[in-house]
C-alpha atoms as a PDB file:
ATOM      1  CA  UNK A   1      11.386 -21.741   2.163  1.00  0.00           C
ATOM      2  CA  UNK A   2      10.251 -22.772   5.603  1.00  0.00           C
ATOM      3  CA  UNK A   3       6.571 -23.089   6.393  1.00  0.00           C
ATOM      4  CA  UNK A   4       5.017 -20.400   8.569  1.00  0.00           C
ATOM      5  CA  UNK A   5       5.286 -21.385  12.218  1.00  0.00           C
ATOM      6  CA  UNK A   6       1.938 -20.883  13.977  1.00  0.00           C
ATOM      7  CA  UNK A   7       1.634 -19.874  17.611  1.00  0.00           C
ATOM      8  CA  UNK A   8      -1.511 -19.215  19.628  1.00  0.00           C
ATOM      9  CA  UNK A   9      -1.131 -17.028  22.715  1.00  0.00           C
ATOM     10  CA  UNK A  10      -3.706 -18.263  25.238  1.00  0.00           C
ATOM     11  CA  UNK A  11      -3.439 -15.232  27.505  1.00  0.00           C
ATOM     12  CA  UNK A  12      -4.351 -12.720  24.800  1.00  0.00           C
ATOM     13  CA  UNK A  13      -6.195 -15.172  22.554  1.00  0.00           C
ATOM     14  CA  UNK A  14      -4.129 -14.140  19.577  1.00  0.00           C
ATOM     15  CA  UNK A  15      -2.943 -16.210  16.644  1.00  0.00           C
ATOM     16  CA  UNK A  16       0.549 -15.486  15.316  1.00  0.00           C
ATOM     17  CA  UNK A  17       2.436 -16.727  12.268  1.00  0.00           C
ATOM     18  CA  UNK A  18       6.225 -16.559  12.257  1.00  0.00           C
ATOM     19  CA  UNK A  19       7.759 -16.394   8.782  1.00  0.00           C
ATOM     20  CA  UNK A  20      11.459 -16.146   9.496  1.00  0.00           C
ATOM     21  CA  UNK A  21      14.435 -16.859   7.253  1.00  0.00           C
ATOM     22  CA  UNK A  22      12.292 -16.193   4.158  1.00  0.00           C
ATOM     23  CA  UNK A  23      13.191 -14.297   1.019  1.00  0.00           C
ATOM     24  CA  UNK A  24      11.194 -11.100   0.532  1.00  0.00           C
ATOM     25  CA  UNK A  25       9.687 -12.108  -2.827  1.00  0.00           C
ATOM     26  CA  UNK A  26       8.473 -15.448  -1.433  1.00  0.00           C
ATOM     27  CA  UNK A  27       6.867 -13.734   1.557  1.00  0.00           C
ATOM     28  CA  UNK A  28       5.269 -11.169  -0.758  1.00  0.00           C
ATOM     29  CA  UNK A  29       3.813 -13.966  -2.918  1.00  0.00           C
ATOM     30  CA  UNK A  30       2.574 -15.840   0.195  1.00  0.00           C
ATOM     31  CA  UNK A  31       0.794 -12.732   1.499  1.00  0.00           C
ATOM     32  CA  UNK A  32      -0.842 -12.061  -1.862  1.00  0.00           C
ATOM     33  CA  UNK A  33      -2.029 -15.657  -2.250  1.00  0.00           C
ATOM     34  CA  UNK A  34      -3.117 -16.405   1.321  1.00  0.00           C
ATOM     35  CA  UNK A  35      -4.389 -13.002   2.508  1.00  0.00           C
ATOM     36  CA  UNK A  36      -4.754 -10.941  -0.693  1.00  0.00           C
ATOM     37  CA  UNK A  37      -2.382  -8.392   0.849  1.00  0.00           C
ATOM     38  CA  UNK A  38       0.085  -6.383  -1.233  1.00  0.00           C
ATOM     39  CA  UNK A  39       3.052  -5.597   0.999  1.00  0.00           C
ATOM     40  CA  UNK A  40       4.764  -3.424  -1.591  1.00  0.00           C
ATOM     41  CA  UNK A  41       8.191  -3.508  -3.153  1.00  0.00           C
ATOM     42  CA  UNK A  42      10.389  -2.467  -0.205  1.00  0.00           C
ATOM     43  CA  UNK A  43      12.685  -5.469   0.038  1.00  0.00           C
ATOM     44  CA  UNK A  44      15.305  -3.396   1.877  1.00  0.00           C
ATOM     45  CA  UNK A  45      13.642  -4.055   5.245  1.00  0.00           C
ATOM     46  CA  UNK A  46      14.940  -6.701   7.615  1.00  0.00           C
ATOM     47  CA  UNK A  47      11.442  -7.627   8.676  1.00  0.00           C
ATOM     48  CA  UNK A  48       7.798  -6.704   8.737  1.00  0.00           C
ATOM     49  CA  UNK A  49       4.843  -7.220  11.082  1.00  0.00           C
ATOM     50  CA  UNK A  50       1.278  -7.231   9.778  1.00  0.00           C
ATOM     51  CA  UNK A  51      -2.019  -7.584  11.647  1.00  0.00           C
ATOM     52  CA  UNK A  52      -4.736  -9.187   9.534  1.00  0.00           C
ATOM     53  CA  UNK A  53      -8.142  -8.718  11.145  1.00  0.00           C
ATOM     54  CA  UNK A  54     -10.813  -9.204   8.507  1.00  0.00           C
ATOM     55  CA  UNK A  55     -13.108 -11.855   7.031  1.00  0.00           C
ATOM     56  CA  UNK A  56     -13.032 -13.851  10.280  1.00  0.00           C
ATOM     57  CA  UNK A  57      -9.240 -13.926  10.255  1.00  0.00           C
ATOM     58  CA  UNK A  58      -7.303 -12.475  13.198  1.00  0.00           C
ATOM     59  CA  UNK A  59      -3.606 -13.160  12.907  1.00  0.00           C
ATOM     60  CA  UNK A  60      -0.412 -11.200  13.484  1.00  0.00           C
ATOM     61  CA  UNK A  61       2.268 -12.181  11.000  1.00  0.00           C
ATOM     62  CA  UNK A  62       5.936 -11.627  11.729  1.00  0.00           C
ATOM     63  CA  UNK A  63       8.260 -11.809   8.722  1.00  0.00           C
ATOM     64  CA  UNK A  64      12.042 -11.690   9.002  1.00  0.00           C
ATOM     65  CA  UNK A  65      14.305 -11.783   5.981  1.00  0.00           C
ATOM     66  CA  UNK A  66      16.724 -14.652   5.401  1.00  0.00           C
ATOM     67  CA  UNK A  67      20.110 -13.349   6.586  1.00  0.00           C
ATOM     68  CA  UNK A  68      22.917 -14.228   8.987  1.00  0.00           C
ATOM     69  CA  UNK A  69      21.797 -15.557  12.367  1.00  0.00           C
ATOM     70  CA  UNK A  70      22.782 -12.484  14.410  1.00  0.00           C
ATOM     71  CA  UNK A  71      20.919 -10.024  12.181  1.00  0.00           C
ATOM     72  CA  UNK A  72      17.929 -12.356  12.030  1.00  0.00           C
ATOM     73  CA  UNK A  73      17.742 -12.492  15.854  1.00  0.00           C
ATOM     74  CA  UNK A  74      17.991  -8.696  16.067  1.00  0.00           C
ATOM     75  CA  UNK A  75      15.230  -8.220  13.490  1.00  0.00           C
ATOM     76  CA  UNK A  76      13.039 -10.861  15.179  1.00  0.00           C
ATOM     77  CA  UNK A  77      13.270  -8.973  18.479  1.00  0.00           C
ATOM     78  CA  UNK A  78      12.416  -5.719  16.683  1.00  0.00           C
ATOM     79  CA  UNK A  79       9.372  -7.222  14.950  1.00  0.00           C
ATOM     80  CA  UNK A  80       8.213  -8.908  18.176  1.00  0.00           C
ATOM     81  CA  UNK A  81       7.953  -5.449  19.774  1.00  0.00           C
ATOM     82  CA  UNK A  82       5.663  -4.370  16.923  1.00  0.00           C
ATOM     83  CA  UNK A  83       3.618  -7.583  17.262  1.00  0.00           C
ATOM     84  CA  UNK A  84       3.209  -7.067  21.012  1.00  0.00           C
ATOM     85  CA  UNK A  85       1.987  -3.501  20.416  1.00  0.00           C
ATOM     86  CA  UNK A  86      -0.516  -4.681  17.805  1.00  0.00           C
ATOM     87  CA  UNK A  87      -1.842  -7.447  20.035  1.00  0.00           C
ATOM     88  CA  UNK A  88      -2.204  -5.254  23.114  1.00  0.00           C
ATOM     89  CA  UNK A  89      -3.802  -2.372  21.226  1.00  0.00           C
ATOM     90  CA  UNK A  90      -6.333  -4.778  19.683  1.00  0.00           C
ATOM     91  CA  UNK A  91      -7.260  -5.782  23.247  1.00  0.00           C
ATOM     92  CA  UNK A  92      -7.871  -2.182  24.309  1.00  0.00           C
ATOM     93  CA  UNK A  93      -4.592  -1.581  26.119  1.00  0.00           C
ATOM     94  CA  UNK A  94      -3.790   2.091  25.599  1.00  0.00           C
ATOM     95  CA  UNK A  95      -0.263   2.491  24.269  1.00  0.00           C
ATOM     96  CA  UNK A  96       1.455   5.501  22.778  1.00  0.00           C
ATOM     97  CA  UNK A  97       1.894   4.671  19.113  1.00  0.00           C
ATOM     98  CA  UNK A  98       4.789   7.140  18.981  1.00  0.00           C
ATOM     99  CA  UNK A  99       6.803   4.821  21.252  1.00  0.00           C
ATOM    100  CA  UNK A 100       6.411   1.761  19.041  1.00  0.00           C
ATOM    101  CA  UNK A 101       9.278   2.388  16.610  1.00  0.00           C
ATOM    102  CA  UNK A 102      11.784   3.905  19.093  1.00  0.00           C
ATOM    103  CA  UNK A 103      11.184   0.991  21.471  1.00  0.00           C
ATOM    104  CA  UNK A 104      11.622  -1.537  18.666  1.00  0.00           C
ATOM    105  CA  UNK A 105      14.936   0.026  17.610  1.00  0.00           C
ATOM    106  CA  UNK A 106      16.113   0.200  21.217  1.00  0.00           C
ATOM    107  CA  UNK A 107      15.392  -3.517  21.682  1.00  0.00           C
ATOM    108  CA  UNK A 108      17.252  -4.134  18.401  1.00  0.00           C
ATOM    109  CA  UNK A 109      20.337  -2.315  19.726  1.00  0.00           C
ATOM    110  CA  UNK A 110      20.197  -4.272  22.987  1.00  0.00           C
ATOM    111  CA  UNK A 111      19.988  -7.529  21.046  1.00  0.00           C
ATOM    112  CA  UNK A 112      22.918  -6.465  18.888  1.00  0.00           C
ATOM    113  CA  UNK A 113      25.031  -5.974  22.010  1.00  0.00           C
ATOM    114  CA  UNK A 114      23.869  -9.259  23.548  1.00  0.00           C
ATOM    115  CA  UNK A 115      24.653 -11.260  20.443  1.00  0.00           C
END
């Protein structure tokens, strides 16, 4: 298992953690230990984005399942759309939540064609 890759966005003053190429059970255990977050049992997803904003912690975590490189890139793009929405909404940028998932899937399809 790789270590989470941290990234701090200076423009939006947001901390991110990238957990890509991980197995679902290992990510689940990491989230329970580090953040006391139960992410459930749905290991059928290709990825997941979670915003932790409590107890002085403000981090957006992007998880992408260990899989072939093409699918991992597609799922990373999808989860990055969710992370961008979360970051912007936390900064007061008004976005239509109903566009979040359709936009993420559209970006996924574009990435699939590119790759």
